[in-house]
Structure formats: structure tokens, C-alpha cells
Amino acid sequence: MTSHLDQIIVELERKWPAWQVWYVPKALGGFIWCARRWDDEHHVLNAGSAESLADLIEQDKEGS
């Protein structure tokens, strides 16, 4: 069974296949959402929500 958070990762990676997406649980609750390009492990994006991360990926794509 896939968790809701894992499903969000699948959706984001399908929309942007050049990006690896994951989340990190915060000590006091919530998550940090992260993404990096598969071809550049040093280019990492972080956001407070999956929606914000999607916006950052979209902005990064436009800047390329």
C-alpha cells in the first residue's frame, strides 16, 4: 500500500522526470519537501509543502 505522501512523490516525479523528490520529517511535526535534478546532485530545492516545491521546480525549469 502506498502512503499519501509517497503518492505525492510519484505525481511530482511523473510531472518532472528530471527531478528526484523526497521529504524529510521535521522534529516538531510537518515535513521539508526536497528535490534535486538527477543530473546534478548539488542543485537541491527545499520547500515547506509539496505545492511550494512544485512551484520551485516549475520556476527552475523556466530559468533553464
Protein backbone atom coordinates (compact mmCIF):
# COMPACT_ATOMS: atom_id res chain seq x y z
CA MET A 1 0.00 0.00 0.00
CA THR A 2 1.32 3.43 -0.96
CA SER A 3 1.04 6.27 1.54
CA HIS A 4 -0.46 9.62 0.62
CA LEU A 5 2.98 11.25 0.81
CA ASP A 6 4.51 8.60 -1.45
CA GLN A 7 1.72 9.19 -3.96
CA ILE A 8 2.57 12.89 -4.00
CA ILE A 9 6.19 11.99 -4.76
CA VAL A 10 5.09 9.74 -7.64
CA GLU A 11 2.93 12.52 -9.08
CA LEU A 12 5.70 15.12 -8.85
CA GLU A 13 8.29 12.80 -10.40
CA ARG A 14 5.91 11.92 -13.23
CA LYS A 15 5.34 15.60 -13.96
CA TRP A 16 9.07 16.42 -13.74
CA PRO A 17 11.01 13.21 -14.54
CA ALA A 18 14.36 15.04 -14.43
CA TRP A 19 13.86 15.54 -10.67
CA GLN A 20 14.18 13.20 -7.69
CA VAL A 21 11.69 14.16 -4.95
CA TRP A 22 11.63 13.23 -1.26
CA TYR A 23 10.53 14.60 2.09
CA VAL A 24 12.22 14.84 5.47
CA PRO A 25 10.14 14.75 8.67
CA LYS A 26 10.70 17.75 10.93
CA ALA A 27 11.39 17.07 14.62
CA LEU A 28 8.34 19.01 15.77
CA GLY A 29 5.92 17.87 13.07
CA GLY A 30 5.47 18.52 9.39
CA PHE A 31 7.88 17.92 6.54
CA ILE A 32 10.51 19.60 4.44
CA TRP A 33 9.97 18.74 0.77
CA CYS A 34 13.12 18.36 -1.31
CA ALA A 35 14.04 17.86 -4.94
CA ARG A 36 17.21 17.61 -6.95
CA ARG A 37 17.91 17.06 -10.58
CA TRP A 38 19.04 13.54 -11.40
CA ASP A 39 21.90 15.01 -13.44
CA ASP A 40 23.10 17.46 -10.75
CA GLU A 41 23.11 16.20 -7.17
CA HIS A 42 24.29 19.60 -5.90
CA HIS A 43 21.27 21.52 -7.22
CA VAL A 44 18.73 20.95 -4.42
CA LEU A 45 15.42 22.71 -3.82
CA ASN A 46 13.66 22.76 -0.43
CA ALA A 47 10.12 23.87 0.42
CA GLY A 48 7.62 23.75 3.24
CA SER A 49 4.97 21.97 1.18
CA ALA A 50 4.64 19.77 -1.90
CA GLU A 51 2.79 22.60 -3.65
CA SER A 52 5.59 25.06 -2.93
CA LEU A 53 8.15 22.54 -4.14
CA ALA A 54 6.20 22.09 -7.38
CA ASP A 55 6.26 25.88 -7.85
CA LEU A 56 10.03 25.96 -7.30
CA ILE A 57 10.60 23.15 -9.81
CA GLU A 58 8.44 24.95 -12.36
CA GLN A 59 10.33 28.21 -11.79
CA ASP A 60 13.66 26.40 -12.09
CA LYS A 61 12.53 24.83 -15.36
CA GLU A 62 11.61 28.24 -16.74
CA GLY A 63 15.00 29.60 -15.76
CA SER A 64 16.88 26.88 -17.62
